[in-house]
Amino acid sequence: MSHRVKRLLAATSTGILLGVAGFAVPAYAAGTCSSGRICMWEDFGYTGSKYVDYVPGTISNDRYEINGFNGDNEISSVINNTSKCAVLYDNDGFSGTRITISKNTSVSNLRTFANFDNEAESFALVSC
C-alpha cells in the first residue's frame, strides 16, 4: 500500500472517530423539583421516572397513595421542597414501617438514607 493511501486511510479513520465523538449524548441531568413541592423518582440521584410531583393542599390532609404500577414500591430518591415533613410508609393506607424526611430536604438514595429503597407505598405531609 502506498504511503499516500495510508495517510488517506488514517485521516479518514480519525475523521470518523471525531464524527462519532461529536454526536455523543450529553449526560442525563438529575431531576428537579419546584419550590413548594415534593417529588419522588424511580432511581437514585433523582433520575428515572418521576412518579410523584405533589403540591401540598391538593389532596385532603396531604395523604397520598402512590399509584400501583407507577411508583408503588419503586421510589429511590426524594426531594421535599415543602415546609412540612414527609412521612413515607411501606404500606398502602399510611401504615407499616415509616421514615420521615424533613422539610426542605433532598435524599438522593433511600437505600443509604434509611434502607428504604423501593419500599414507599404512601406518604403524608405533616407539621414538623
Protein backbone atom coordinates (compact mmCIF):
# COMPACT_ATOMS: atom_id res chain seq x y z
CA MET A 1 0.00 0.00 0.00
CA SER A 2 1.41 3.39 -0.93
CA HIS A 3 2.32 5.99 1.65
CA ARG A 4 -0.36 8.32 0.23
CA VAL A 5 -3.11 5.68 0.64
CA LYS A 6 -2.02 5.00 4.24
CA ARG A 7 -2.26 8.72 5.08
CA LEU A 8 -5.69 8.92 3.45
CA LEU A 9 -6.93 5.90 5.46
CA ALA A 10 -5.51 7.36 8.69
CA ALA A 11 -7.18 10.72 8.06
CA THR A 12 -10.49 9.05 7.22
CA SER A 13 -10.38 6.89 10.37
CA THR A 14 -9.62 9.93 12.52
CA GLY A 15 -12.46 11.85 10.91
CA ILE A 16 -14.90 9.02 11.57
CA LEU A 17 -13.85 8.81 15.23
CA LEU A 18 -14.17 12.56 15.67
CA GLY A 19 -17.56 12.47 13.97
CA VAL A 20 -18.82 9.79 16.34
CA ALA A 21 -17.48 11.68 19.36
CA GLY A 22 -19.17 14.83 18.08
CA PHE A 23 -22.55 13.11 18.33
CA ALA A 24 -22.12 11.87 21.89
CA VAL A 25 -25.25 12.11 24.01
CA PRO A 26 -24.90 14.52 26.93
CA ALA A 27 -25.06 13.10 30.44
CA TYR A 28 -28.59 12.89 31.85
CA ALA A 29 -29.27 15.76 34.19
CA ALA A 30 -30.69 14.93 37.59
CA GLY A 31 -34.36 15.74 38.11
CA THR A 32 -35.63 18.94 39.59
CA CYS A 33 -38.46 19.68 41.97
CA SER A 34 -40.09 23.10 42.08
CA SER A 35 -40.25 25.08 45.29
CA GLY A 36 -43.21 24.11 47.46
CA ARG A 37 -43.50 20.57 46.01
CA ILE A 38 -42.43 17.07 46.97
CA CYS A 39 -41.06 14.88 44.18
CA MET A 40 -40.08 11.21 44.09
CA TRP A 41 -38.12 9.27 41.48
CA GLU A 42 -37.74 5.67 40.46
CA ASP A 43 -33.93 5.70 40.60
CA PHE A 44 -31.14 7.04 42.78
CA GLY A 45 -29.89 10.57 42.17
CA TYR A 46 -33.30 11.95 41.13
CA THR A 47 -33.30 10.03 37.85
CA GLY A 48 -35.63 7.64 36.09
CA SER A 49 -39.38 8.19 36.09
CA LYS A 50 -40.69 10.93 38.36
CA TYR A 51 -43.63 9.14 39.99
CA VAL A 52 -44.62 11.89 42.43
CA ASP A 53 -44.77 15.66 41.86
CA TYR A 54 -47.17 16.79 44.55
CA VAL A 55 -48.28 20.26 45.66
CA PRO A 56 -49.37 20.42 49.32
CA GLY A 57 -53.08 21.03 49.75
CA THR A 58 -54.05 19.23 46.54
CA ILE A 59 -55.49 16.28 48.48
CA SER A 60 -57.35 16.48 51.78
CA ASN A 61 -54.97 16.10 54.75
CA ASP A 62 -51.99 15.80 52.33
CA ARG A 63 -52.17 11.99 52.45
CA TYR A 64 -51.08 10.49 49.14
CA GLU A 65 -51.30 6.91 47.89
CA ILE A 66 -48.50 6.22 45.41
CA ASN A 67 -50.04 4.58 42.32
CA GLY A 68 -49.74 0.81 41.91
CA PHE A 69 -47.69 0.28 38.76
CA ASN A 70 -46.43 3.87 38.58
CA GLY A 71 -44.26 4.23 41.63
CA ASP A 72 -45.66 1.93 44.30
CA ASN A 73 -42.60 0.22 45.82
CA GLU A 74 -40.32 1.88 43.28
CA ILE A 75 -39.20 5.11 44.96
CA SER A 76 -35.42 5.51 45.31
CA SER A 77 -34.89 9.28 45.71
CA VAL A 78 -36.91 12.19 47.11
CA ILE A 79 -36.78 15.98 47.13
CA ASN A 80 -39.03 17.55 49.75
CA ASN A 81 -39.21 21.25 48.89
CA THR A 82 -42.20 21.83 51.18
CA SER A 83 -42.47 23.45 54.60
CA LYS A 84 -43.73 20.14 56.03
CA CYS A 85 -42.10 16.83 56.94
CA ALA A 86 -42.83 13.90 54.63
CA VAL A 87 -43.63 10.59 56.30
CA LEU A 88 -43.17 7.69 53.87
CA TYR A 89 -44.92 4.40 54.65
CA ASP A 90 -44.14 0.95 53.29
CA ASN A 91 -47.83 0.01 53.07
CA ASP A 92 -50.90 1.50 51.44
CA GLY A 93 -53.21 3.33 53.81
CA PHE A 94 -50.40 5.12 55.65
CA SER A 95 -49.38 2.13 57.73
CA GLY A 96 -46.41 -0.11 58.35
CA THR A 97 -42.79 0.88 58.67
CA ARG A 98 -42.20 4.58 58.13
CA ILE A 99 -39.43 7.07 57.71
CA THR A 100 -39.53 10.86 57.94
CA ILE A 101 -37.87 13.25 55.54
CA SER A 102 -37.50 16.74 56.96
CA LYS A 103 -38.83 19.84 55.25
CA ASN A 104 -36.62 21.32 52.52
CA THR A 105 -34.51 18.16 52.38
CA SER A 106 -33.21 16.07 49.50
CA VAL A 107 -32.43 12.36 49.74
CA SER A 108 -30.62 11.06 46.66
CA ASN A 109 -30.54 7.43 47.82
CA LEU A 110 -33.20 5.98 50.11
CA ARG A 111 -31.17 2.78 50.50
CA THR A 112 -28.29 4.53 52.26
CA PHE A 113 -30.55 7.08 54.00
CA ALA A 114 -32.76 4.59 55.82
CA ASN A 115 -32.62 1.26 53.97
CA PHE A 116 -35.99 2.25 52.46
CA ASP A 117 -35.27 1.85 48.75
CA ASN A 118 -38.29 0.63 46.75
CA GLU A 119 -40.44 0.48 49.89
CA ALA A 120 -42.72 3.55 49.83
CA GLU A 121 -46.38 2.92 49.01
CA SER A 122 -47.94 6.01 50.57
CA PHE A 123 -46.89 9.25 52.24
CA ALA A 124 -48.29 12.08 54.32
CA LEU A 125 -47.09 15.64 54.76
CA VAL A 126 -47.19 16.67 58.42
CA SER A 127 -46.09 19.63 60.54
CA CYS A 128 -42.52 19.30 61.78
